[in-house]
Amino acid sequence: MAKIEIYTSRLCGFCARAKFLLEQKGLEYEEIDVDGTPGQKELMVDRAKGAQTVPQIFINDVHIGGCDDLYSLEAEKQLETLLES
């Protein structure tokens, strides 16, 4: 099973949309709240090569980007390939 991590913040509509897609696909993920956990925002920015907006999504430690990137992968039928690797 793929390791999915999603950095989020409270009241983020894009975060909710990304989690919705993952849940609709029956995928488990680790949610990391950058607002409520000290140091997580800095870690996210470092891992995401400077990206400061949430969500930031990683599959098997590979940064795939944010919500729009996740939906693009799904639309292009590439999300399943990432999940299988």
C-alpha atoms as a PDB file:
ATOM      1  CA  MET A   1       0.000   0.000   0.000  1.00  0.00           C
ATOM      2  CA  ALA A   2       1.251   3.484  -0.866  1.00  0.00           C
ATOM      3  CA  LYS A   3       2.332   5.838   1.904  1.00  0.00           C
ATOM      4  CA  ILE A   4       0.339   9.062   1.481  1.00  0.00           C
ATOM      5  CA  GLU A   5       1.077  12.153   3.530  1.00  0.00           C
ATOM      6  CA  ILE A   6      -0.900  15.355   3.263  1.00  0.00           C
ATOM      7  CA  TYR A   7       0.087  18.577   4.989  1.00  0.00           C
ATOM      8  CA  THR A   8      -3.037  20.564   5.830  1.00  0.00           C
ATOM      9  CA  SER A   9      -4.371  23.444   7.857  1.00  0.00           C
ATOM     10  CA  ARG A  10      -7.741  23.994   9.428  1.00  0.00           C
ATOM     11  CA  LEU A  11     -10.375  25.788   7.348  1.00  0.00           C
ATOM     12  CA  CYS A  12      -8.604  25.036   4.067  1.00  0.00           C
ATOM     13  CA  GLY A  13     -11.034  24.258   1.255  1.00  0.00           C
ATOM     14  CA  PHE A  14      -8.322  22.843  -0.990  1.00  0.00           C
ATOM     15  CA  CYS A  15      -7.218  20.531   1.825  1.00  0.00           C
ATOM     16  CA  ALA A  16     -10.796  19.303   2.219  1.00  0.00           C
ATOM     17  CA  ARG A  17     -11.071  18.666  -1.555  1.00  0.00           C
ATOM     18  CA  ALA A  18      -7.807  16.714  -1.635  1.00  0.00           C
ATOM     19  CA  LYS A  19      -8.820  14.576   1.355  1.00  0.00           C
ATOM     20  CA  PHE A  20     -12.243  14.016  -0.230  1.00  0.00           C
ATOM     21  CA  LEU A  21     -10.664  12.564  -3.386  1.00  0.00           C
ATOM     22  CA  LEU A  22      -8.381  10.299  -1.382  1.00  0.00           C
ATOM     23  CA  GLU A  23     -11.291   9.116   0.758  1.00  0.00           C
ATOM     24  CA  GLN A  24     -13.510   8.532  -2.292  1.00  0.00           C
ATOM     25  CA  LYS A  25     -10.797   6.262  -3.654  1.00  0.00           C
ATOM     26  CA  GLY A  26     -10.667   4.395  -0.327  1.00  0.00           C
ATOM     27  CA  LEU A  27      -7.099   5.486   0.354  1.00  0.00           C
ATOM     28  CA  GLU A  28      -5.594   5.886   3.792  1.00  0.00           C
ATOM     29  CA  TYR A  29      -3.363   8.866   4.430  1.00  0.00           C
ATOM     30  CA  GLU A  30      -1.471  10.572   7.218  1.00  0.00           C
ATOM     31  CA  GLU A  31      -2.699  14.102   7.797  1.00  0.00           C
ATOM     32  CA  ILE A  32      -0.162  16.542   9.196  1.00  0.00           C
ATOM     33  CA  ASP A  33      -1.680  19.751  10.586  1.00  0.00           C
ATOM     34  CA  VAL A  34       0.801  22.573   9.988  1.00  0.00           C
ATOM     35  CA  ASP A  35      -1.171  24.931  12.249  1.00  0.00           C
ATOM     36  CA  GLY A  36      -1.353  22.727  15.308  1.00  0.00           C
ATOM     37  CA  THR A  37       2.041  21.048  15.280  1.00  0.00           C
ATOM     38  CA  PRO A  38       5.141  23.182  15.867  1.00  0.00           C
ATOM     39  CA  GLY A  39       7.804  22.856  13.176  1.00  0.00           C
ATOM     40  CA  GLN A  40       5.614  21.057  10.649  1.00  0.00           C
ATOM     41  CA  LYS A  41       5.173  24.082   8.364  1.00  0.00           C
ATOM     42  CA  GLU A  42       8.949  24.470   8.073  1.00  0.00           C
ATOM     43  CA  LEU A  43       9.373  20.749   7.437  1.00  0.00           C
ATOM     44  CA  MET A  44       6.672  20.867   4.749  1.00  0.00           C
ATOM     45  CA  VAL A  45       8.287  23.847   3.008  1.00  0.00           C
ATOM     46  CA  ASP A  46      11.654  22.095   3.061  1.00  0.00           C
ATOM     47  CA  ARG A  47      10.253  18.804   1.735  1.00  0.00           C
ATOM     48  CA  ALA A  48       8.159  20.605  -0.908  1.00  0.00           C
ATOM     49  CA  LYS A  49      11.168  22.553  -2.223  1.00  0.00           C
ATOM     50  CA  GLY A  50       9.844  25.909  -1.064  1.00  0.00           C
ATOM     51  CA  ALA A  51       6.096  25.466  -1.590  1.00  0.00           C
ATOM     52  CA  GLN A  52       4.353  27.252   1.267  1.00  0.00           C
ATOM     53  CA  THR A  53       0.669  26.654   0.546  1.00  0.00           C
ATOM     54  CA  VAL A  54      -1.417  23.773   1.780  1.00  0.00           C
ATOM     55  CA  PRO A  55      -2.148  21.106   0.994  1.00  0.00           C
ATOM     56  CA  GLN A  56       1.173  19.614   0.025  1.00  0.00           C
ATOM     57  CA  ILE A  57       0.862  15.943  -0.839  1.00  0.00           C
ATOM     58  CA  PHE A  58       3.505  13.220  -0.875  1.00  0.00           C
ATOM     59  CA  ILE A  59       3.064   9.687  -2.174  1.00  0.00           C
ATOM     60  CA  ASN A  60       5.805   7.247  -1.181  1.00  0.00           C
ATOM     61  CA  ASP A  61       7.932  10.277  -0.178  1.00  0.00           C
ATOM     62  CA  VAL A  62       7.592  11.808  -3.675  1.00  0.00           C
ATOM     63  CA  HIS A  63       6.197  15.331  -3.688  1.00  0.00           C
ATOM     64  CA  ILE A  64       3.245  15.510  -6.061  1.00  0.00           C
ATOM     65  CA  GLY A  65       2.128  19.044  -5.214  1.00  0.00           C
ATOM     66  CA  GLY A  66      -1.189  20.436  -4.062  1.00  0.00           C
ATOM     67  CA  CYS A  67      -4.872  19.790  -4.575  1.00  0.00           C
ATOM     68  CA  ASP A  68      -4.967  20.781  -8.249  1.00  0.00           C
ATOM     69  CA  ASP A  69      -1.972  18.549  -8.946  1.00  0.00           C
ATOM     70  CA  LEU A  70      -3.708  15.618  -7.242  1.00  0.00           C
ATOM     71  CA  TYR A  71      -6.863  16.114  -9.311  1.00  0.00           C
ATOM     72  CA  SER A  72      -4.793  16.462 -12.495  1.00  0.00           C
ATOM     73  CA  LEU A  73      -3.071  13.157 -11.799  1.00  0.00           C
ATOM     74  CA  GLU A  74      -6.472  11.548 -11.270  1.00  0.00           C
ATOM     75  CA  ALA A  75      -7.884  13.045 -14.487  1.00  0.00           C
ATOM     76  CA  GLU A  76      -4.860  11.865 -16.467  1.00  0.00           C
ATOM     77  CA  LYS A  77      -5.159   8.360 -14.948  1.00  0.00           C
ATOM     78  CA  GLN A  78      -1.671   8.682 -13.465  1.00  0.00           C
ATOM     79  CA  LEU A  79      -2.624   8.611  -9.786  1.00  0.00           C
ATOM     80  CA  GLU A  80      -3.110   4.836  -9.806  1.00  0.00           C
ATOM     81  CA  THR A  81       0.378   4.383 -11.272  1.00  0.00           C
ATOM     82  CA  LEU A  82       1.907   6.417  -8.445  1.00  0.00           C
ATOM     83  CA  LEU A  83      -0.045   4.455  -5.872  1.00  0.00           C
ATOM     84  CA  GLU A  84       1.195   1.144  -7.243  1.00  0.00           C
ATOM     85  CA  SER A  85       4.885   2.060  -7.200  1.00  0.00           C
END
